[in-house]
Amino acid sequence: MIRQHVERHLAEPQRQARMALLLDTADEVNMPADPGFRSALVAYLEWGSRLAVINSEPGASAEEDLPMPRWGWGVPGGPYQG
């Protein structure tokens, strides 16, 4: 997934717009409004979107064969915790 963002030159306004779209979509598809669920969802999306911006900067590279991060109810940690 990280490789998909390399050399995309994503900026903070784009990240924020993407977050708004993702959260609007969560409402449209009736994802739970439960505060615990929404907190975990927003944390995961924020973490992932910020990684996308970091990995889209000039000179960033992606390592091959790294595992995809997994969803969890806890606080998002490093990108490769399973």
C-alpha atoms as a PDB file:
ATOM      1  CA  MET A   1       0.000   0.000   0.000  1.00  0.00           C
ATOM      2  CA  ILE A   2       2.822   2.390   0.803  1.00  0.00           C
ATOM      3  CA  ARG A   3       4.222   1.908  -2.685  1.00  0.00           C
ATOM      4  CA  GLN A   4       0.985   3.374  -4.097  1.00  0.00           C
ATOM      5  CA  HIS A   5       1.851   6.776  -2.597  1.00  0.00           C
ATOM      6  CA  VAL A   6       5.513   7.090  -3.612  1.00  0.00           C
ATOM      7  CA  GLU A   7       6.170  10.200  -5.729  1.00  0.00           C
ATOM      8  CA  ARG A   8       2.518  11.362  -5.540  1.00  0.00           C
ATOM      9  CA  HIS A   9       3.474  14.618  -3.778  1.00  0.00           C
ATOM     10  CA  LEU A  10       0.406  14.608  -1.536  1.00  0.00           C
ATOM     11  CA  ALA A  11      -0.102  17.729   0.551  1.00  0.00           C
ATOM     12  CA  GLU A  12      -1.960  18.361   3.800  1.00  0.00           C
ATOM     13  CA  PRO A  13      -4.999  19.967   2.106  1.00  0.00           C
ATOM     14  CA  GLN A  14      -5.410  16.838  -0.036  1.00  0.00           C
ATOM     15  CA  ARG A  15      -5.106  14.624   3.035  1.00  0.00           C
ATOM     16  CA  GLN A  16      -7.743  16.635   4.873  1.00  0.00           C
ATOM     17  CA  ALA A  17     -10.110  16.521   1.895  1.00  0.00           C
ATOM     18  CA  ARG A  18      -9.664  12.757   1.677  1.00  0.00           C
ATOM     19  CA  MET A  19     -10.408  12.391   5.383  1.00  0.00           C
ATOM     20  CA  ALA A  20     -13.598  14.429   5.005  1.00  0.00           C
ATOM     21  CA  LEU A  21     -14.722  12.232   2.105  1.00  0.00           C
ATOM     22  CA  LEU A  22     -13.966   9.031   4.010  1.00  0.00           C
ATOM     23  CA  LEU A  23     -15.878  10.186   7.091  1.00  0.00           C
ATOM     24  CA  ASP A  24     -18.835  11.419   5.009  1.00  0.00           C
ATOM     25  CA  THR A  25     -18.886   8.015   3.315  1.00  0.00           C
ATOM     26  CA  ALA A  26     -18.885   6.274   6.705  1.00  0.00           C
ATOM     27  CA  ASP A  27     -22.043   8.241   7.548  1.00  0.00           C
ATOM     28  CA  GLU A  28     -23.657   7.543   4.168  1.00  0.00           C
ATOM     29  CA  VAL A  29     -23.186   3.775   4.492  1.00  0.00           C
ATOM     30  CA  ASN A  30     -24.496   3.887   8.060  1.00  0.00           C
ATOM     31  CA  MET A  31     -21.367   2.753   9.839  1.00  0.00           C
ATOM     32  CA  PRO A  32     -21.919   2.732  13.599  1.00  0.00           C
ATOM     33  CA  ALA A  33     -22.083   6.141  15.272  1.00  0.00           C
ATOM     34  CA  ASP A  34     -20.855   4.565  18.522  1.00  0.00           C
ATOM     35  CA  PRO A  35     -18.137   6.844  19.969  1.00  0.00           C
ATOM     36  CA  GLY A  36     -15.685   3.974  20.528  1.00  0.00           C
ATOM     37  CA  PHE A  37     -16.067   2.736  16.970  1.00  0.00           C
ATOM     38  CA  ARG A  38     -15.779   6.223  15.470  1.00  0.00           C
ATOM     39  CA  SER A  39     -12.747   7.032  17.585  1.00  0.00           C
ATOM     40  CA  ALA A  40     -10.959   3.884  16.400  1.00  0.00           C
ATOM     41  CA  LEU A  41     -12.001   4.491  12.773  1.00  0.00           C
ATOM     42  CA  VAL A  42     -10.843   8.119  12.771  1.00  0.00           C
ATOM     43  CA  ALA A  43      -7.548   7.203  14.454  1.00  0.00           C
ATOM     44  CA  TYR A  44      -6.849   4.508  11.867  1.00  0.00           C
ATOM     45  CA  LEU A  45      -7.747   6.766   8.926  1.00  0.00           C
ATOM     46  CA  GLU A  46      -5.695   9.668  10.311  1.00  0.00           C
ATOM     47  CA  TRP A  47      -2.695   7.405  10.843  1.00  0.00           C
ATOM     48  CA  GLY A  48      -2.938   5.943   7.345  1.00  0.00           C
ATOM     49  CA  SER A  49      -3.489   9.271   5.623  1.00  0.00           C
ATOM     50  CA  ARG A  50      -0.522  10.843   7.391  1.00  0.00           C
ATOM     51  CA  LEU A  51       1.661   7.900   6.354  1.00  0.00           C
ATOM     52  CA  ALA A  52       0.487   8.442   2.772  1.00  0.00           C
ATOM     53  CA  VAL A  53       1.652  12.071   2.864  1.00  0.00           C
ATOM     54  CA  ILE A  54       5.027  11.115   4.390  1.00  0.00           C
ATOM     55  CA  ASN A  55       5.573   8.370   1.818  1.00  0.00           C
ATOM     56  CA  SER A  56       4.609  10.625  -1.080  1.00  0.00           C
ATOM     57  CA  GLU A  57       7.419  13.098  -0.428  1.00  0.00           C
ATOM     58  CA  PRO A  58      10.298  13.334  -2.894  1.00  0.00           C
ATOM     59  CA  GLY A  59      12.933  10.717  -2.206  1.00  0.00           C
ATOM     60  CA  ALA A  60      10.635   8.390  -0.267  1.00  0.00           C
ATOM     61  CA  SER A  61      10.872   4.724  -1.123  1.00  0.00           C
ATOM     62  CA  ALA A  62       8.780   1.690  -0.295  1.00  0.00           C
ATOM     63  CA  GLU A  63      10.208  -1.567   0.965  1.00  0.00           C
ATOM     64  CA  GLU A  64       8.905  -4.629  -0.828  1.00  0.00           C
ATOM     65  CA  ASP A  65       6.961  -7.424   0.850  1.00  0.00           C
ATOM     66  CA  LEU A  66       6.016  -5.617   4.053  1.00  0.00           C
ATOM     67  CA  PRO A  67       2.734  -6.771   5.607  1.00  0.00           C
ATOM     68  CA  MET A  68      -0.437  -4.705   5.353  1.00  0.00           C
ATOM     69  CA  PRO A  69      -1.415  -3.069   8.647  1.00  0.00           C
ATOM     70  CA  ARG A  70      -4.390  -4.702  10.369  1.00  0.00           C
ATOM     71  CA  TRP A  71      -7.428  -3.041  11.854  1.00  0.00           C
ATOM     72  CA  GLY A  72      -7.742  -3.133  15.603  1.00  0.00           C
ATOM     73  CA  TRP A  73      -9.684  -1.409  18.347  1.00  0.00           C
ATOM     74  CA  GLY A  74      -6.564  -0.159  20.076  1.00  0.00           C
ATOM     75  CA  VAL A  75      -4.452   2.870  19.365  1.00  0.00           C
ATOM     76  CA  PRO A  76      -2.800   2.624  15.941  1.00  0.00           C
ATOM     77  CA  GLY A  77       0.844   1.780  16.379  1.00  0.00           C
ATOM     78  CA  GLY A  78       3.659   1.381  13.913  1.00  0.00           C
ATOM     79  CA  PRO A  79       2.630   0.628  10.353  1.00  0.00           C
ATOM     80  CA  TYR A  80       3.680  -3.011  10.454  1.00  0.00           C
ATOM     81  CA  GLN A  81       2.200  -4.334  13.656  1.00  0.00           C
ATOM     82  CA  GLY A  82      -0.062  -7.319  13.065  1.00  0.00           C
END
